[in-house]
Protein backbone atom coordinates (compact mmCIF):
# COMPACT_ATOMS: atom_id res chain seq x y z
CA MET A 1 0.00 0.00 0.00
CA SER A 2 1.40 3.40 -0.97
CA ASP A 3 1.60 6.44 1.31
CA ALA A 4 -1.16 7.99 -0.76
CA THR A 5 -3.63 5.15 -0.09
CA ARG A 6 -2.63 4.37 3.51
CA ARG A 7 -4.84 6.21 6.00
CA PRO A 8 -2.95 7.49 9.05
CA PRO A 9 -4.84 8.67 12.14
CA ALA A 10 -6.43 12.09 11.75
CA GLY A 11 -4.07 14.93 12.50
CA LEU A 12 -0.90 12.85 12.11
CA ASP A 13 1.92 14.60 10.24
CA THR A 14 3.45 11.82 8.16
CA SER A 15 6.12 14.20 6.82
CA VAL A 16 7.93 13.97 10.16
CA PRO A 17 9.87 10.75 10.87
CA ASN A 18 8.94 8.74 13.93
CA VAL A 19 11.07 6.30 15.94
CA ALA A 20 8.37 3.61 16.21
CA ARG A 21 7.68 3.69 12.47
CA MET A 22 11.43 3.65 11.70
CA ASN A 23 11.72 0.50 13.78
CA ASP A 24 8.75 -0.95 11.90
CA TYR A 25 10.74 -0.35 8.70
CA PHE A 26 13.79 -2.11 10.19
CA LEU A 27 11.50 -5.08 10.93
CA ASP A 28 10.24 -5.12 7.32
CA GLY A 29 6.83 -3.85 8.42
CA LYS A 30 4.35 -1.86 6.33
CA ASP A 31 3.26 0.80 8.84
CA ASN A 32 5.75 3.47 7.86
CA PHE A 33 5.88 6.47 5.57
CA ALA A 34 8.42 8.09 3.24
CA ALA A 35 9.87 10.33 5.94
CA ASP A 36 10.36 7.33 8.24
CA ARG A 37 12.07 5.35 5.50
CA ARG A 38 14.41 8.22 4.63
CA ALA A 39 15.49 8.63 8.25
CA ALA A 40 15.83 4.86 8.66
CA GLU A 41 18.03 4.63 5.57
CA GLU A 42 20.26 7.37 7.04
CA VAL A 43 20.66 5.17 10.10
CA LEU A 44 21.37 2.06 8.01
CA ALA A 45 23.98 3.94 5.98
CA ILE A 46 25.95 4.43 9.21
CA ALA A 47 25.15 1.08 10.85
CA PRO A 48 23.58 -1.50 8.50
CA GLU A 49 23.48 -3.96 11.40
CA ILE A 50 20.63 -1.93 12.94
CA ARG A 51 18.13 -3.97 10.93
CA THR A 52 19.53 -7.19 12.40
CA MET A 53 19.53 -5.62 15.86
CA ALA A 54 15.83 -4.81 15.58
CA LYS A 55 15.03 -8.41 14.66
CA GLU A 56 17.32 -9.80 17.35
CA GLY A 57 15.57 -7.54 19.86
CA GLN A 58 12.21 -9.02 18.92
CA ALA A 59 13.62 -12.53 19.27
CA PHE A 60 15.09 -11.70 22.71
CA LEU A 61 11.73 -10.39 23.86
CA GLY A 62 10.10 -13.67 22.91
CA ARG A 63 12.71 -15.67 24.82
CA ALA A 64 12.34 -13.41 27.86
CA VAL A 65 8.55 -13.76 27.88
CA ARG A 66 8.82 -17.55 27.63
CA HIS A 67 11.23 -17.54 30.55
CA LEU A 68 8.92 -15.37 32.63
CA VAL A 69 5.88 -17.54 31.98
CA GLY A 70 8.01 -20.47 33.09
CA GLN A 71 8.62 -18.58 36.35
CA GLY A 72 4.89 -18.26 36.91
CA ILE A 73 4.48 -14.68 35.68
CA THR A 74 1.06 -14.13 34.11
CA GLN A 75 0.95 -10.29 34.05
CA PHE A 76 2.96 -8.23 31.58
CA LEU A 77 3.33 -4.46 31.24
CA ALA A 78 5.10 -3.56 27.98
CA ILE A 79 6.16 0.10 28.10
CA GLY A 80 7.06 1.91 24.88
CA SER A 81 6.30 -1.24 22.96
CA GLY A 82 6.31 0.17 19.43
CA LEU A 83 4.07 -0.83 16.55
CA PRO A 84 2.43 -4.27 16.67
CA THR A 85 4.44 -6.89 14.81
CA GLN A 86 4.59 -10.69 14.69
CA HIS A 87 5.11 -12.61 17.93
CA ASN A 88 3.88 -9.82 20.17
CA VAL A 89 4.12 -10.18 23.96
CA HIS A 90 0.50 -11.26 24.36
CA GLN A 91 0.77 -13.82 21.57
CA VAL A 92 3.86 -15.43 23.09
CA ALA A 93 2.58 -15.31 26.67
CA GLN A 94 -0.95 -16.54 25.90
CA SER A 95 0.34 -19.37 23.72
CA LEU A 96 1.93 -20.75 26.89
CA GLU A 97 -0.56 -19.48 29.48
CA PRO A 98 -3.98 -18.59 28.03
CA ALA A 99 -4.90 -16.64 31.17
CA ALA A 100 -1.94 -14.25 30.80
CA ARG A 101 -2.83 -10.55 30.86
CA VAL A 102 -0.89 -7.95 28.90
CA VAL A 103 -1.05 -4.15 28.85
CA TYR A 104 0.87 -2.24 26.22
CA VAL A 105 1.87 1.36 26.94
CA ALA A 106 2.47 3.90 24.18
CA ASP A 107 2.33 7.63 23.62
CA ASP A 108 2.53 7.62 19.83
CA PRO A 109 -0.82 8.05 18.01
CA VAL A 110 0.04 5.52 15.29
CA VAL A 111 1.06 2.89 17.83
CA LEU A 112 -2.07 3.52 19.88
CA SER A 113 -4.34 3.36 16.84
CA HIS A 114 -2.87 0.12 15.49
CA SER A 115 -2.69 -1.51 18.91
CA LEU A 116 -6.30 -0.68 19.74
CA ALA A 117 -7.43 -2.18 16.43
CA LEU A 118 -5.32 -5.30 16.96
CA LEU A 119 -6.48 -5.90 20.51
CA ALA A 120 -10.15 -4.96 20.18
CA THR A 121 -11.34 -8.56 20.53
CA ASP A 122 -8.92 -9.72 23.25
CA PRO A 123 -10.38 -9.19 26.74
CA ARG A 124 -7.08 -10.05 28.46
CA THR A 125 -4.98 -7.55 26.52
CA SER A 126 -5.19 -3.79 26.28
CA VAL A 127 -3.25 -0.65 25.39
CA VAL A 128 -3.07 2.59 27.37
CA ARG A 129 -1.55 5.99 26.72
CA GLY A 130 1.54 6.72 28.80
CA ASP A 131 5.31 6.57 29.01
CA VAL A 132 8.09 5.47 31.32
CA LEU A 133 8.81 9.03 32.50
CA HIS A 134 5.39 9.37 34.16
CA PRO A 135 5.19 6.19 36.23
CA ASP A 136 2.64 7.37 38.80
CA GLU A 137 0.15 8.50 36.17
CA LEU A 138 0.71 5.27 34.26
CA LEU A 139 0.19 3.01 37.26
CA ALA A 140 -3.00 4.87 38.19
CA ASP A 141 -4.58 4.34 34.77
CA PRO A 142 -7.96 2.60 35.31
CA GLU A 143 -7.59 0.40 32.23
CA LEU A 144 -4.18 -0.76 33.39
CA ARG A 145 -5.54 -1.48 36.86
CA ARG A 146 -8.45 -3.42 35.35
CA LEU A 147 -6.04 -6.01 33.97
CA ILE A 148 -2.93 -5.71 36.15
CA ASP A 149 -3.01 -6.48 39.87
CA LEU A 150 0.01 -4.70 41.35
CA GLU A 151 -0.26 -6.81 44.49
CA ARG A 152 0.84 -9.81 42.42
CA PRO A 153 4.09 -10.27 40.45
CA VAL A 154 4.23 -8.49 37.12
CA ALA A 155 6.80 -8.31 34.33
CA LEU A 156 7.87 -4.79 33.35
CA LEU A 157 9.13 -4.87 29.77
CA ILE A 158 11.06 -1.80 28.55
CA THR A 159 12.90 -2.97 25.47
CA SER A 160 13.10 0.05 23.18
CA ALA A 161 12.30 3.26 25.05
CA LEU A 162 15.20 3.91 27.43
CA GLN A 163 17.88 4.26 24.77
CA PHE A 164 16.18 7.43 23.55
CA ILE A 165 15.79 9.11 26.95
CA PRO A 166 18.72 11.27 28.11
CA ASP A 167 20.01 11.40 31.67
CA GLU A 168 18.59 14.91 31.98
CA ASP A 169 15.11 13.36 32.13
CA ASP A 170 16.27 10.95 34.88
CA PRO A 171 14.88 7.70 33.46
CA PHE A 172 16.70 5.88 36.30
CA LYS A 173 14.37 7.51 38.82
CA SER A 174 11.31 6.56 36.76
CA VAL A 175 12.38 2.93 36.45
CA ALA A 176 13.09 2.83 40.19
CA ARG A 177 9.59 4.14 40.86
CA LEU A 178 8.12 1.35 38.75
CA ARG A 179 10.34 -1.18 40.55
CA ASP A 180 9.15 0.04 43.94
CA ALA A 181 5.48 -0.10 42.91
CA VAL A 182 5.37 -3.75 41.89
CA ALA A 183 5.21 -6.83 44.12
CA VAL A 184 8.08 -9.03 45.22
CA GLY A 185 8.63 -11.68 42.57
CA SER A 186 8.12 -9.16 39.76
CA HIS A 187 10.68 -8.91 36.97
CA LEU A 188 12.21 -6.08 34.94
CA VAL A 189 13.22 -6.72 31.32
CA ILE A 190 15.38 -4.13 29.56
CA ALA A 191 17.07 -3.97 26.17
CA HIS A 192 19.25 -0.95 25.36
CA ALA A 193 21.63 -0.14 22.50
CA VAL A 194 25.16 0.61 23.74
CA PHE A 195 28.25 1.89 21.99
CA ASP A 196 31.01 -0.04 23.77
CA THR A 197 32.06 -1.81 20.57
CA ARG A 198 30.91 0.86 18.07
CA PRO A 199 32.01 4.20 19.56
CA GLU A 200 32.56 5.70 16.12
CA ALA A 201 28.85 5.27 15.32
CA ALA A 202 27.59 7.07 18.42
CA GLY A 203 27.93 10.66 17.24
CA PRO A 204 26.34 10.25 13.77
CA LEU A 205 23.47 8.10 15.06
CA VAL A 206 22.77 10.38 18.01
CA ASP A 207 22.59 13.33 15.59
CA ILE A 208 19.94 11.58 13.47
CA TYR A 209 17.78 10.63 16.43
CA ARG A 210 18.13 14.09 17.96
CA LYS A 211 16.52 15.49 14.81
CA VAL A 212 13.80 12.81 14.79
CA LEU A 213 12.96 13.35 18.46
CA GLY A 214 13.42 17.10 18.43
CA ARG A 215 15.89 16.89 21.32
CA SER A 216 19.35 18.33 21.87
CA GLU A 217 20.52 15.94 24.59
CA ASP A 218 22.63 12.83 24.03
CA ALA A 219 20.97 9.62 25.31
CA SER A 220 23.76 7.20 24.34
CA ARG A 221 25.04 4.89 27.10
CA THR A 222 27.56 2.14 27.76
CA ARG A 223 26.76 -1.27 29.20
CA GLN A 224 28.02 -0.15 32.61
CA GLN A 225 25.65 2.81 32.58
CA VAL A 226 22.70 0.61 31.58
CA LEU A 227 23.38 -1.60 34.62
CA ARG A 228 22.10 1.24 36.82
CA PHE A 229 18.54 0.54 35.69
CA PHE A 230 18.70 -2.78 37.56
CA ASP A 231 19.70 -1.27 40.91
CA GLY A 232 17.83 -3.00 43.75
CA LEU A 233 17.07 -6.07 41.65
CA GLU A 234 18.70 -9.44 41.13
CA LEU A 235 19.82 -10.11 37.56
CA VAL A 236 19.02 -13.64 36.43
CA ASP A 237 21.60 -15.69 34.57
CA PRO A 238 23.36 -14.77 32.28
CA GLY A 239 23.09 -11.15 33.48
CA LEU A 240 23.26 -8.07 31.25
CA VAL A 241 24.67 -9.37 27.97
CA TYR A 242 24.42 -8.79 24.24
CA LEU A 243 21.10 -9.89 22.74
CA ARG A 244 22.48 -13.03 21.15
CA GLN A 245 23.95 -14.18 24.47
CA TRP A 246 20.71 -14.08 26.46
CA ARG A 247 19.59 -17.72 26.60
CA PRO A 248 19.79 -18.35 22.83
CA ASP A 249 17.60 -21.11 21.42
CA ASN A 250 20.61 -22.18 19.35
CA PRO A 251 24.05 -21.73 20.97
CA LEU A 252 25.57 -21.10 17.54
CA ALA A 253 23.42 -17.97 17.30
CA ALA A 254 25.44 -16.43 20.14
CA GLN A 255 28.60 -16.21 18.04
CA ARG A 256 30.03 -12.71 17.54
CA PRO A 257 27.46 -11.24 19.97
CA GLU A 258 28.96 -7.75 19.79
CA ARG A 259 27.77 -7.45 16.20
CA THR A 260 24.32 -6.76 17.58
CA TRP A 261 25.36 -4.09 20.04
CA THR A 262 22.24 -4.02 22.15
CA VAL A 263 22.51 -5.38 25.67
CA ALA A 264 19.61 -7.06 27.42
CA GLY A 265 18.85 -8.39 30.85
CA VAL A 266 16.09 -9.76 33.06
CA ALA A 267 16.09 -9.07 36.80
CA ARG A 268 13.88 -10.18 39.69
CA LYS A 269 12.60 -8.20 42.64
CA THR A 270 13.52 -10.24 45.69
CA ASP A 271 12.48 -7.93 48.54
CA GLY A 272 10.24 -4.99 49.25
């Protein structure tokens, strides 16, 4: 479907690139527009492995959800989840535990529109407007509270949002607030691009995303800096590692893990 025939939500300016739609393009999706594709191609010109990283990130999320269901987790809160794609959190979780409940959180009108349409017939899955930087407002949302019981363990999934939030906005404080609000036995899942092995790409990529997001701050981080998000929690084996190293289905897939320079980890809340 061309941009001319696709119908975006009313009031949406499709001439401005959007991070969620750029990621949809990296995943070979169809919910993107010319401006998104141009910006995405600028990114790929600097780091062609970004497309692989996006797909590896989706695969990691599936493995993490399977692990969490195996630990008895039946409630999932996916924050900044991006556009719906194949093997979404609710599809993976409910294939293993039909009673699993999932709430997606987004603040992008395209993501909200598509998610609402996708989930309209699923009573155990919903989408709410919000973001990681406003945890109290998010946790008070009546639709979220309808499906998620904060007195029971819940999985907090933040696999694409934090890498775009600079320290000036104090995302560490927001994640800590979410951590403190959930029950013992809850888990935090994070994936975050880092530049430990690709420092030369940091400046050019940050410049592109600054323009897309309309920000001046630099949100790039190293693995050591990402570790701070797990303060007060117990990382499960194998810890905070590159995507391909986190419990791969095929050990051969973990070769040359630094080529997909996103780190990921799952941590458990062990005390109040």
